[in-house]
């Protein structure tokens, strides 16, 4: 090629530009995969949180039913807790 009078600050050939674009594209793909995986984990945690909340509500309702049936003021005063031998002065 004939030399030109143009002054280039940075001279890059086509292969260098293609490699740079490939690296940027690779980083973009990795970023999207990471975001997708994080979203999948978020969805799974949300499902587990709904299930856990439902179980805690069932437990709370059962404890309230036991308290009502035994005629005591709190869950710590029930015969079930005393039969377990737990410290009844601390909340469960």
C-alpha atoms as a PDB file:
ATOM      1  CA  UNK A   1       0.000   0.000   0.000  1.00  0.00           C
ATOM      2  CA  UNK A   2       1.148   3.481  -0.699  1.00  0.00           C
ATOM      3  CA  UNK A   3       1.803   5.675   2.315  1.00  0.00           C
ATOM      4  CA  UNK A   4      -0.809   8.316   2.960  1.00  0.00           C
ATOM      5  CA  UNK A   5      -0.400  11.777   4.365  1.00  0.00           C
ATOM      6  CA  UNK A   6      -3.171  11.122   6.899  1.00  0.00           C
ATOM      7  CA  UNK A   7      -2.014  11.243  10.528  1.00  0.00           C
ATOM      8  CA  UNK A   8      -3.581   8.408  12.542  1.00  0.00           C
ATOM      9  CA  UNK A   9      -3.238   8.517  16.292  1.00  0.00           C
ATOM     10  CA  UNK A  10      -3.978   4.820  16.717  1.00  0.00           C
ATOM     11  CA  UNK A  11      -3.515   2.522  13.773  1.00  0.00           C
ATOM     12  CA  UNK A  12      -5.574  -0.660  13.939  1.00  0.00           C
ATOM     13  CA  UNK A  13      -5.988  -3.240  11.274  1.00  0.00           C
ATOM     14  CA  UNK A  14      -9.273  -5.022  10.564  1.00  0.00           C
ATOM     15  CA  UNK A  15      -8.384  -8.180  12.499  1.00  0.00           C
ATOM     16  CA  UNK A  16      -7.714  -6.210  15.684  1.00  0.00           C
ATOM     17  CA  UNK A  17     -11.062  -4.454  15.363  1.00  0.00           C
ATOM     18  CA  UNK A  18     -12.848  -7.784  14.796  1.00  0.00           C
ATOM     19  CA  UNK A  19     -11.163  -9.337  17.846  1.00  0.00           C
ATOM     20  CA  UNK A  20     -12.172  -6.337  19.958  1.00  0.00           C
ATOM     21  CA  UNK A  21     -15.762  -6.580  18.753  1.00  0.00           C
ATOM     22  CA  UNK A  22     -15.782 -10.327  19.483  1.00  0.00           C
ATOM     23  CA  UNK A  23     -14.578  -9.715  23.040  1.00  0.00           C
ATOM     24  CA  UNK A  24     -17.259  -7.071  23.608  1.00  0.00           C
ATOM     25  CA  UNK A  25     -19.932  -9.400  22.179  1.00  0.00           C
ATOM     26  CA  UNK A  26     -18.714 -12.219  24.410  1.00  0.00           C
ATOM     27  CA  UNK A  27     -18.974 -10.001  27.481  1.00  0.00           C
ATOM     28  CA  UNK A  28     -22.498  -8.966  26.477  1.00  0.00           C
ATOM     29  CA  UNK A  29     -23.565 -12.600  26.093  1.00  0.00           C
ATOM     30  CA  UNK A  30     -22.054 -13.471  29.469  1.00  0.00           C
ATOM     31  CA  UNK A  31     -23.894 -10.547  31.036  1.00  0.00           C
ATOM     32  CA  UNK A  32     -27.229 -11.655  29.582  1.00  0.00           C
ATOM     33  CA  UNK A  33     -26.670 -15.251  30.727  1.00  0.00           C
ATOM     34  CA  UNK A  34     -25.825 -14.010  34.221  1.00  0.00           C
ATOM     35  CA  UNK A  35     -28.976 -11.852  34.315  1.00  0.00           C
ATOM     36  CA  UNK A  36     -31.132 -14.760  33.095  1.00  0.00           C
ATOM     37  CA  UNK A  37     -29.659 -17.104  35.706  1.00  0.00           C
ATOM     38  CA  UNK A  38     -30.191 -14.531  38.467  1.00  0.00           C
ATOM     39  CA  UNK A  39     -33.804 -14.116  37.364  1.00  0.00           C
ATOM     40  CA  UNK A  40     -34.343 -17.894  37.469  1.00  0.00           C
ATOM     41  CA  UNK A  41     -32.971 -17.994  41.024  1.00  0.00           C
ATOM     42  CA  UNK A  42     -35.240 -15.087  41.964  1.00  0.00           C
ATOM     43  CA  UNK A  43     -38.294 -16.937  40.604  1.00  0.00           C
ATOM     44  CA  UNK A  44     -37.375 -20.110  42.526  1.00  0.00           C
ATOM     45  CA  UNK A  45     -36.850 -18.160  45.752  1.00  0.00           C
ATOM     46  CA  UNK A  46     -40.192 -16.428  45.267  1.00  0.00           C
ATOM     47  CA  UNK A  47     -41.963 -19.797  44.891  1.00  0.00           C
ATOM     48  CA  UNK A  48     -40.219 -21.148  47.995  1.00  0.00           C
ATOM     49  CA  UNK A  49     -41.113 -18.016  49.960  1.00  0.00           C
ATOM     50  CA  UNK A  50     -44.797 -18.447  49.068  1.00  0.00           C
ATOM     51  CA  UNK A  51     -44.680 -22.091  50.196  1.00  0.00           C
ATOM     52  CA  UNK A  52     -42.841 -21.183  53.407  1.00  0.00           C
ATOM     53  CA  UNK A  53     -45.320 -18.399  54.169  1.00  0.00           C
ATOM     54  CA  UNK A  54     -48.202 -20.833  53.711  1.00  0.00           C
ATOM     55  CA  UNK A  55     -46.561 -23.341  56.073  1.00  0.00           C
ATOM     56  CA  UNK A  56     -45.917 -20.664  58.703  1.00  0.00           C
ATOM     57  CA  UNK A  57     -49.564 -19.587  58.476  1.00  0.00           C
ATOM     58  CA  UNK A  58     -50.713 -23.196  58.960  1.00  0.00           C
ATOM     59  CA  UNK A  59     -48.380 -23.547  61.955  1.00  0.00           C
ATOM     60  CA  UNK A  60     -49.658 -20.296  63.435  1.00  0.00           C
ATOM     61  CA  UNK A  61     -53.278 -21.384  62.981  1.00  0.00           C
ATOM     62  CA  UNK A  62     -52.585 -24.770  64.596  1.00  0.00           C
ATOM     63  CA  UNK A  63     -50.866 -23.145  67.560  1.00  0.00           C
ATOM     64  CA  UNK A  64     -53.805 -20.779  68.007  1.00  0.00           C
ATOM     65  CA  UNK A  65     -56.189 -23.737  67.854  1.00  0.00           C
ATOM     66  CA  UNK A  66     -54.205 -25.604  70.527  1.00  0.00           C
ATOM     67  CA  UNK A  67     -54.163 -22.504  72.722  1.00  0.00           C
ATOM     68  CA  UNK A  68     -57.940 -22.146  72.326  1.00  0.00           C
ATOM     69  CA  UNK A  69     -58.582 -25.835  73.035  1.00  0.00           C
ATOM     70  CA  UNK A  70     -56.432 -25.891  76.165  1.00  0.00           C
ATOM     71  CA  UNK A  71     -57.792 -22.601  77.438  1.00  0.00           C
ATOM     72  CA  UNK A  72     -54.432 -20.990  78.152  1.00  0.00           C
ATOM     73  CA  UNK A  73     -53.195 -17.493  77.425  1.00  0.00           C
ATOM     74  CA  UNK A  74     -50.102 -18.236  75.319  1.00  0.00           C
ATOM     75  CA  UNK A  75     -48.481 -21.038  73.374  1.00  0.00           C
ATOM     76  CA  UNK A  76     -45.760 -21.362  76.049  1.00  0.00           C
ATOM     77  CA  UNK A  77     -48.369 -22.375  78.629  1.00  0.00           C
ATOM     78  CA  UNK A  78     -49.693 -25.343  76.645  1.00  0.00           C
ATOM     79  CA  UNK A  79     -49.237 -28.901  77.802  1.00  0.00           C
ATOM     80  CA  UNK A  80     -47.452 -29.704  74.539  1.00  0.00           C
ATOM     81  CA  UNK A  81     -44.638 -27.242  75.209  1.00  0.00           C
ATOM     82  CA  UNK A  82     -44.345 -28.367  78.812  1.00  0.00           C
ATOM     83  CA  UNK A  83     -44.222 -32.008  77.724  1.00  0.00           C
ATOM     84  CA  UNK A  84     -41.252 -31.201  75.513  1.00  0.00           C
ATOM     85  CA  UNK A  85     -39.425 -29.905  78.575  1.00  0.00           C
ATOM     86  CA  UNK A  86     -38.587 -26.588  76.961  1.00  0.00           C
ATOM     87  CA  UNK A  87     -37.996 -23.399  78.876  1.00  0.00           C
ATOM     88  CA  UNK A  88     -41.470 -21.901  78.986  1.00  0.00           C
ATOM     89  CA  UNK A  89     -40.256 -18.456  79.981  1.00  0.00           C
ATOM     90  CA  UNK A  90     -38.816 -17.761  76.520  1.00  0.00           C
ATOM     91  CA  UNK A  91     -41.071 -17.201  73.512  1.00  0.00           C
ATOM     92  CA  UNK A  92     -41.134 -19.983  70.943  1.00  0.00           C
END
